[in-house]
Amino acid sequence: MFPLKGITVVTLEHAVAGPFCTRQLADLGARVIKIERPGSGDFARGYDERVRGLASHFVWTNRSKESLTLDVKHRESPAILGRLLEKADVLVQNLAPGAAARLGLSYEALEPSHPRLIVCDISGYGDSGPYRDKKAYDLLIQSESGFLSITGTPDDPAKAGCSIADISAAMYAYSSILAALFARERSGRGCRIEVALLETMVEWMSYPLYYAHEGAAPPPRTGAAHATIYPYGPFPAGDGKIVMLGLQNEREWSVFCDKVLHNAALATDSRFASNSKRAAAREDLRAVIVAAFRDLTTEEVVARLDAAQIANARMNDMHEVWEHAQLKARQRWTDVETPAGRIAALLPPALPSTVTPRMDAVPALGQHTDAILRELDYDQAMIDRMREEGAI
């Protein structure tokens, strides 16, 4: 069962925010028609060549879609876009600021003739305000949202290792589109959804924002350790690998001292008698913990932590994640087709138990152009002519 079977999404998208949103709609069975620039396509296709010559970002965010190449500035494009939108339920775009409106694809322009259409506009800063026209890439939004100010070490800020701002926008766009489709079932009308990367990231920053409420000091940068709870973060085992551990309360602190450090008296040491004291004396406490772990392997440290029911994790690298025992045991991997052959793909998380996700191929550039145009009543001669003219 595909919950979105029968729903058609037309998308003018690139990079991550738009494509990750629409890929998740495709996972649920929506037909996603991805419009790409002739010759080059979504520029994320060229980010790298790490997946058998294909780009890592692209294969992640574009499975189960159809690729239609179209020069949206060509004189033929308004007619093609018009025919596509006659059959569409959702239009998604994350073009440069103002570009969709200049193409006549704003909600205001489309609503009179497409009253059931849901239009989702994804941008860096929104369509108003002094930052409206600024370019907005993931790292820039991480900076503007304050994320970099609390991430990294005291000496150096650090970006997230994945495109967290793009992902946050994609998730809000995806969930808002689902809500809009549900609302349309009741009202019969579409709507506009506006998603700004800055606003989605600031929403995710609300804990540190409130921590710094009314001029209070913001959380310091503490690397991979927690800024305000200690011990909560990375500690080396004797074999050089890193174990992450997290203590949440005084009961766990007492158990940790006794069962893990084998130093029950430490629990009543006045330097460490509360979380705030432990956080203030974190360097002294870190030295004690590192010394206790020095003669233990990672497996031995984890065994002690597990036996004491203290939260912990290994700091896995990407190769270890591919081989993660939990993901394998839960059969979370499947295969999808790509232009370079079959590759492994993680099944979508958090689907209803009645839903089998759609896991179709990652499209080659323009793979579906002719078929889609024929569906729109263009004959082969017209298609060949438009290709010669560079329209498709």
Protein backbone atom coordinates (compact mmCIF):
# COMPACT_ATOMS: atom_id res chain seq x y z
CA MET A 1 0.00 0.00 0.00
CA PHE A 2 1.32 3.41 -1.02
CA PRO A 3 -0.47 6.17 0.93
CA LEU A 4 0.33 8.78 -1.74
CA LYS A 5 -0.48 6.64 -4.77
CA GLY A 6 -2.28 8.87 -7.28
CA ILE A 7 -0.59 12.05 -6.02
CA THR A 8 1.60 13.82 -8.60
CA VAL A 9 4.38 16.16 -7.54
CA VAL A 10 6.13 18.46 -10.00
CA THR A 11 9.40 19.79 -8.65
CA LEU A 12 11.93 22.36 -9.73
CA GLU A 13 14.63 21.46 -7.26
CA HIS A 14 18.33 21.17 -6.70
CA ALA A 15 20.86 20.35 -3.99
CA VAL A 16 19.28 18.81 -0.85
CA ALA A 17 16.31 20.67 0.69
CA GLY A 18 13.87 20.27 -2.20
CA PRO A 19 15.07 16.83 -3.34
CA PHE A 20 15.01 15.28 0.15
CA CYS A 21 11.48 16.57 0.71
CA THR A 22 10.18 15.12 -2.56
CA ARG A 23 12.08 11.85 -2.22
CA GLN A 24 10.17 11.19 0.96
CA LEU A 25 6.91 11.88 -0.87
CA ALA A 26 8.07 9.39 -3.50
CA ASP A 27 8.84 6.87 -0.74
CA LEU A 28 5.11 6.97 0.09
CA GLY A 29 4.11 6.35 -3.51
CA ALA A 30 3.75 9.85 -4.97
CA ARG A 31 4.72 10.29 -8.58
CA VAL A 32 7.54 12.85 -8.52
CA ILE A 33 8.48 14.53 -11.80
CA LYS A 34 11.83 16.23 -11.36
CA ILE A 35 12.53 19.02 -13.85
CA GLU A 36 16.23 19.36 -14.60
CA ARG A 37 18.39 21.62 -16.74
CA PRO A 38 19.23 19.99 -20.10
CA GLY A 39 22.82 18.82 -20.30
CA SER A 40 23.77 19.23 -16.64
CA GLY A 41 20.67 18.64 -14.54
CA ASP A 42 20.46 19.20 -10.80
CA PHE A 43 23.90 20.53 -9.90
CA ALA A 44 24.05 18.02 -7.03
CA ARG A 45 24.69 15.40 -9.73
CA GLY A 46 28.20 16.89 -9.92
CA TYR A 47 29.05 17.22 -6.24
CA ASP A 48 31.26 14.11 -6.27
CA GLU A 49 31.63 10.69 -7.92
CA ARG A 50 31.74 8.49 -4.83
CA VAL A 51 28.94 6.06 -5.70
CA ARG A 52 30.30 4.23 -8.74
CA GLY A 53 30.73 7.55 -10.52
CA LEU A 54 27.49 9.06 -9.19
CA ALA A 55 27.20 11.80 -6.57
CA SER A 56 26.54 10.73 -2.98
CA HIS A 57 24.03 13.51 -2.30
CA PHE A 58 22.13 12.77 -5.49
CA VAL A 59 21.65 9.04 -5.03
CA TRP A 60 20.47 9.67 -1.46
CA THR A 61 17.80 12.24 -2.32
CA ASN A 62 16.48 11.27 -5.75
CA ARG A 63 15.37 7.65 -5.91
CA SER A 64 11.88 6.80 -7.20
CA LYS A 65 11.64 9.97 -9.30
CA GLU A 66 11.20 10.67 -13.00
CA SER A 67 13.68 13.04 -14.63
CA LEU A 68 12.38 15.49 -17.26
CA THR A 69 14.94 17.81 -18.81
CA LEU A 70 13.54 21.25 -19.61
CA ASP A 71 15.04 24.68 -20.14
CA VAL A 72 12.52 26.65 -18.10
CA LYS A 73 13.50 29.86 -19.92
CA HIS A 74 12.81 28.43 -23.38
CA ARG A 75 9.67 29.63 -25.17
CA GLU A 76 8.26 26.08 -25.16
CA SER A 77 8.52 25.67 -21.39
CA PRO A 78 5.38 27.57 -20.27
CA ALA A 79 3.18 25.25 -22.30
CA ILE A 80 4.93 22.14 -21.00
CA LEU A 81 4.80 23.34 -17.40
CA GLY A 82 1.15 24.27 -17.85
CA ARG A 83 0.25 20.78 -19.04
CA LEU A 84 2.20 19.22 -16.20
CA LEU A 85 0.45 21.34 -13.59
CA GLU A 86 -2.98 20.46 -14.96
CA LYS A 87 -2.37 16.96 -13.59
CA ALA A 88 -0.31 17.92 -10.53
CA ASP A 89 -1.31 17.95 -6.90
CA VAL A 90 1.85 19.56 -5.54
CA LEU A 91 4.48 21.93 -6.91
CA VAL A 92 7.76 22.13 -4.98
CA GLN A 93 10.54 24.56 -5.80
CA ASN A 94 13.78 25.69 -4.18
CA LEU A 95 15.11 27.84 -6.99
CA ALA A 96 16.93 31.12 -6.45
CA PRO A 97 14.87 33.83 -4.72
CA GLY A 98 12.16 35.14 -7.04
CA ALA A 99 12.94 32.73 -9.88
CA ALA A 100 9.71 30.73 -9.63
CA ALA A 101 7.59 33.89 -9.56
CA ARG A 102 9.35 35.17 -12.69
CA LEU A 103 8.39 31.91 -14.39
CA GLY A 104 4.73 32.44 -13.46
CA LEU A 105 4.90 29.65 -10.87
CA SER A 106 3.96 31.56 -7.74
CA TYR A 107 0.94 30.37 -5.78
CA GLU A 108 -0.80 33.67 -6.50
CA ALA A 109 -0.37 33.22 -10.25
CA LEU A 110 -1.41 29.56 -10.24
CA GLU A 111 -4.25 29.50 -7.72
CA PRO A 112 -7.03 30.93 -9.95
CA SER A 113 -6.61 28.19 -12.57
CA HIS A 114 -5.33 25.46 -10.20
CA PRO A 115 -7.36 25.86 -7.01
CA ARG A 116 -6.46 22.38 -5.70
CA LEU A 117 -2.72 22.82 -6.23
CA ILE A 118 -0.43 22.87 -3.21
CA VAL A 119 2.62 25.06 -3.83
CA CYS A 120 5.64 24.62 -1.54
CA ASP A 121 8.34 27.28 -1.78
CA ILE A 122 11.64 26.52 -0.05
CA SER A 123 14.15 29.34 0.35
CA GLY A 124 16.93 30.44 2.61
CA TYR A 125 15.29 33.38 4.34
CA GLY A 126 11.69 33.59 3.11
CA ASP A 127 10.12 35.88 0.54
CA SER A 128 10.20 39.08 2.62
CA GLY A 129 12.57 40.93 4.93
CA PRO A 130 16.03 42.37 4.38
CA TYR A 131 17.64 38.95 3.81
CA ARG A 132 15.14 37.84 1.16
CA ASP A 133 17.57 37.99 -1.78
CA LYS A 134 20.67 36.65 -0.05
CA LYS A 135 22.08 33.38 -1.26
CA ALA A 136 21.60 30.73 1.37
CA TYR A 137 23.64 27.54 1.42
CA ASP A 138 23.56 25.00 4.23
CA LEU A 139 26.75 26.16 5.95
CA LEU A 140 25.67 29.80 5.76
CA ILE A 141 22.36 28.99 7.45
CA GLN A 142 24.17 26.97 10.11
CA SER A 143 26.08 30.16 10.81
CA GLU A 144 23.17 32.62 10.68
CA SER A 145 20.98 30.42 12.90
CA GLY A 146 23.57 30.35 15.68
CA PHE A 147 24.29 26.65 15.25
CA LEU A 148 28.01 27.24 14.68
CA SER A 149 28.26 29.42 17.77
CA ILE A 150 27.56 26.45 20.05
CA THR A 151 29.12 23.64 17.98
CA GLY A 152 32.82 22.83 18.01
CA THR A 153 35.58 23.47 20.51
CA PRO A 154 36.20 26.59 22.59
CA ASP A 155 38.80 27.64 20.02
CA ASP A 156 37.08 26.61 16.78
CA PRO A 157 33.45 26.43 15.67
CA ALA A 158 32.51 23.36 13.63
CA LYS A 159 29.78 22.74 11.10
CA ALA A 160 27.56 19.68 11.25
CA GLY A 161 28.98 16.83 9.20
CA CYS A 162 25.75 16.50 7.21
CA SER A 163 23.54 19.15 5.59
CA ILE A 164 21.54 19.80 8.73
CA ALA A 165 19.93 23.09 7.62
CA ASP A 166 18.81 21.62 4.30
CA ILE A 167 17.54 18.52 6.08
CA SER A 168 15.56 20.56 8.60
CA ALA A 169 13.88 22.50 5.79
CA ALA A 170 13.16 19.31 3.86
CA MET A 171 11.52 17.68 6.86
CA TYR A 172 9.24 20.66 7.53
CA ALA A 173 8.35 20.90 3.83
CA TYR A 174 7.56 17.18 3.71
CA SER A 175 5.38 17.16 6.82
CA SER A 176 3.62 20.38 5.80
CA ILE A 177 2.78 18.95 2.37
CA LEU A 178 1.28 15.88 4.02
CA ALA A 179 -0.80 18.14 6.27
CA ALA A 180 -1.90 20.24 3.27
CA LEU A 181 -2.97 17.13 1.35
CA PHE A 182 -5.02 16.02 4.35
CA ALA A 183 -6.60 19.47 4.68
CA ARG A 184 -7.44 19.48 0.96
CA GLU A 185 -9.46 16.31 1.43
CA ARG A 186 -11.74 18.36 3.68
CA SER A 187 -11.70 21.76 1.99
CA GLY A 188 -11.16 20.81 -1.65
CA ARG A 189 -8.61 23.60 -1.99
CA GLY A 190 -4.85 23.77 -2.17
CA CYS A 191 -2.64 26.27 -0.40
CA ARG A 192 0.80 27.78 -0.27
CA ILE A 193 3.53 26.49 2.03
CA GLU A 194 6.56 28.67 2.65
CA VAL A 195 9.62 27.08 4.23
CA ALA A 196 12.67 29.18 5.15
CA LEU A 197 15.88 27.37 6.11
CA LEU A 198 16.74 30.04 8.68
CA GLU A 199 13.42 29.56 10.46
CA THR A 200 13.59 25.77 10.50
CA MET A 201 17.09 25.85 11.95
CA VAL A 202 16.20 28.49 14.55
CA GLU A 203 13.31 26.23 15.63
CA TRP A 204 15.85 23.45 16.18
CA MET A 205 18.02 25.90 18.14
CA SER A 206 15.31 26.68 20.67
CA TYR A 207 16.95 24.90 23.63
CA PRO A 208 20.17 26.96 23.41
CA LEU A 209 18.11 30.07 22.67
CA TYR A 210 16.10 29.62 25.86
CA TYR A 211 19.25 28.70 27.77
CA ALA A 212 20.52 32.16 26.81
CA HIS A 213 17.17 33.81 27.60
CA GLU A 214 17.18 37.51 28.51
CA GLY A 215 20.90 37.95 28.13
CA ALA A 216 22.08 34.86 30.02
CA ALA A 217 25.33 33.29 28.87
CA PRO A 218 24.78 30.90 25.93
CA PRO A 219 25.97 27.28 26.06
CA PRO A 220 29.75 27.11 25.50
CA ARG A 221 31.29 25.11 22.69
CA THR A 222 32.42 21.82 24.20
CA GLY A 223 33.30 19.63 21.24
CA ALA A 224 31.42 16.33 21.37
CA ALA A 225 30.70 16.73 25.08
CA HIS A 226 27.42 18.08 26.40
CA ALA A 227 27.64 21.78 27.22
CA THR A 228 25.74 21.60 30.52
CA ILE A 229 25.63 17.94 31.65
CA TYR A 230 28.76 16.04 32.72
CA PRO A 231 30.07 13.41 32.25
CA TYR A 232 28.26 13.27 28.93
CA GLY A 233 30.45 12.89 25.85
CA PRO A 234 33.53 11.13 24.43
CA PHE A 235 36.15 9.31 26.47
CA PRO A 236 39.07 7.23 25.13
CA ALA A 237 39.43 3.57 26.01
CA GLY A 238 42.81 1.94 26.34
CA ASP A 239 42.75 0.69 22.75
CA GLY A 240 42.48 4.23 21.40
CA LYS A 241 38.83 4.02 20.38
CA ILE A 242 36.21 6.43 21.67
CA VAL A 243 33.26 5.57 23.90
CA MET A 244 30.41 8.05 24.32
CA LEU A 245 28.66 7.95 27.66
CA GLY A 246 25.87 9.97 29.17
CA LEU A 247 24.78 10.38 32.79
CA GLN A 248 21.49 12.12 33.47
CA ASN A 249 21.01 12.15 37.26
CA GLU A 250 22.56 11.59 40.67
CA ARG A 251 21.49 7.96 40.91
CA GLU A 252 23.35 7.18 37.68
CA TRP A 253 26.37 9.13 38.92
CA SER A 254 26.56 6.97 42.04
CA VAL A 255 26.20 3.75 40.05
CA PHE A 256 28.78 4.93 37.51
CA CYS A 257 31.35 5.56 40.25
CA ASP A 258 30.74 2.18 41.87
CA LYS A 259 30.12 -0.20 38.97
CA VAL A 260 32.10 1.39 36.13
CA LEU A 261 34.96 3.32 37.73
CA HIS A 262 35.18 0.91 40.70
CA ASN A 263 35.57 3.98 42.91
CA ALA A 264 32.40 4.30 45.00
CA ALA A 265 33.91 7.03 47.18
CA LEU A 266 34.10 9.37 44.21
CA ALA A 267 30.31 9.73 44.26
CA THR A 268 30.50 11.79 47.46
CA ASP A 269 33.56 13.83 46.51
CA SER A 270 32.55 17.44 47.14
CA ARG A 271 34.01 18.55 43.80
CA PHE A 272 31.52 16.37 41.94
CA ALA A 273 28.49 16.41 44.27
CA SER A 274 26.03 17.78 41.67
CA ASN A 275 25.77 18.07 37.94
CA SER A 276 26.62 21.77 38.00
CA LYS A 277 29.73 21.04 40.10
CA ARG A 278 30.76 18.21 37.78
CA ALA A 279 30.32 20.47 34.77
CA ALA A 280 32.41 23.19 36.42
CA ALA A 281 35.15 20.69 37.31
CA ARG A 282 34.95 18.73 34.09
CA GLU A 283 38.68 18.75 33.41
CA ASP A 284 39.48 17.18 36.79
CA LEU A 285 36.72 14.62 36.40
CA ARG A 286 37.72 13.81 32.85
CA ALA A 287 41.23 12.97 34.05
CA VAL A 288 39.79 10.54 36.62
CA ILE A 289 37.61 8.80 34.03
CA VAL A 290 40.38 8.58 31.41
CA ALA A 291 42.69 7.05 33.99
CA ALA A 292 40.03 4.45 34.91
CA PHE A 293 39.54 3.50 31.25
CA ARG A 294 43.24 3.45 30.36
CA ASP A 295 43.74 -0.27 30.89
CA LEU A 296 40.40 -1.33 29.37
CA THR A 297 39.47 -2.06 25.76
CA THR A 298 36.42 -0.44 24.19
CA GLU A 299 34.52 -3.70 24.58
CA GLU A 300 35.39 -3.89 28.27
CA VAL A 301 34.32 -0.28 28.90
CA VAL A 302 31.03 -0.84 27.06
CA ALA A 303 30.43 -4.08 28.98
CA ARG A 304 30.82 -2.27 32.31
CA LEU A 305 28.55 0.57 31.19
CA ASP A 306 25.89 -1.84 29.91
CA ALA A 307 26.00 -3.90 33.11
CA ALA A 308 25.51 -0.70 35.13
CA GLN A 309 22.75 0.45 32.73
CA ILE A 310 24.64 3.64 31.94
CA ALA A 311 23.82 5.05 28.50
CA ASN A 312 26.69 4.66 26.06
CA ALA A 313 27.62 4.34 22.41
CA ARG A 314 30.61 3.63 20.25
CA MET A 315 31.81 6.43 17.99
CA ASN A 316 31.36 4.57 14.70
CA ASP A 317 32.87 5.69 11.43
CA MET A 318 30.99 5.36 8.14
CA HIS A 319 32.34 1.88 7.41
CA GLU A 320 31.13 0.66 10.81
CA VAL A 321 27.69 2.15 10.20
CA TRP A 322 27.39 0.20 6.93
CA GLU A 323 28.03 -2.94 8.99
CA HIS A 324 26.03 -1.94 12.08
CA ALA A 325 24.66 -5.04 13.78
CA GLN A 326 21.42 -3.36 14.85
CA LEU A 327 20.54 -2.19 11.34
CA LYS A 328 21.32 -5.63 9.97
CA ALA A 329 19.28 -7.41 12.63
CA ARG A 330 16.28 -5.20 11.86
CA GLN A 331 16.77 -5.71 8.10
CA ARG A 332 16.91 -1.96 7.46
CA TRP A 333 18.88 -2.23 4.21
CA THR A 334 17.57 -2.93 0.75
CA ASP A 335 18.84 -2.28 -2.79
CA VAL A 336 17.86 0.33 -5.35
CA GLU A 337 18.76 0.62 -8.99
CA THR A 338 20.89 3.50 -10.30
CA PRO A 339 22.39 4.29 -13.70
CA ALA A 340 25.57 2.70 -12.29
CA GLY A 341 23.92 -0.50 -11.03
CA ARG A 342 22.30 -1.60 -7.79
CA ILE A 343 23.38 0.02 -4.53
CA ALA A 344 22.37 -0.42 -0.89
CA ALA A 345 19.80 2.00 0.52
CA LEU A 346 18.37 2.45 3.99
CA LEU A 347 14.66 1.82 4.26
CA PRO A 348 12.74 4.97 5.29
CA PRO A 349 12.33 5.21 9.06
CA ALA A 350 9.03 5.66 10.91
CA LEU A 351 6.50 4.43 8.37
CA PRO A 352 3.10 3.01 9.34
CA SER A 353 3.18 -0.77 9.69
CA THR A 354 0.75 -1.09 6.77
CA VAL A 355 3.07 0.72 4.36
CA THR A 356 5.74 -0.86 2.20
CA PRO A 357 8.00 1.99 1.03
CA ARG A 358 8.58 2.58 -2.62
CA MET A 359 12.26 2.03 -3.42
CA ASP A 360 12.53 2.60 -7.17
CA ALA A 361 15.54 3.62 -9.21
CA VAL A 362 17.59 6.80 -9.11
CA PRO A 363 16.95 8.34 -12.55
CA ALA A 364 19.49 9.15 -15.19
CA LEU A 365 19.38 12.73 -16.39
CA GLY A 366 16.37 13.16 -18.69
CA GLN A 367 15.55 9.46 -18.56
CA HIS A 368 11.79 10.07 -18.63
CA THR A 369 11.64 13.16 -20.85
CA ASP A 370 10.20 11.54 -23.95
CA ALA A 371 7.69 9.40 -22.06
CA ILE A 372 6.37 12.34 -20.04
CA LEU A 373 6.07 14.57 -23.10
CA ARG A 374 4.21 11.87 -25.01
CA GLU A 375 1.88 11.61 -22.03
CA LEU A 376 1.29 15.36 -22.44
CA ASP A 377 0.28 14.77 -26.09
CA TYR A 378 3.53 15.83 -27.75
CA ASP A 379 4.35 13.61 -30.73
CA GLN A 380 7.86 12.35 -31.43
CA ALA A 381 8.49 14.91 -34.16
CA MET A 382 7.73 17.75 -31.75
CA ILE A 383 9.90 16.15 -29.09
CA ASP A 384 12.79 15.78 -31.54
CA ARG A 385 12.42 19.40 -32.62
CA MET A 386 12.44 20.68 -29.02
CA ARG A 387 15.53 18.60 -28.32
CA GLU A 388 17.29 20.09 -31.34
CA GLU A 389 16.39 23.57 -30.11
CA GLY A 390 17.74 22.85 -26.64
CA ALA A 391 14.36 23.16 -24.96
CA ILE A 392 14.63 19.66 -23.46
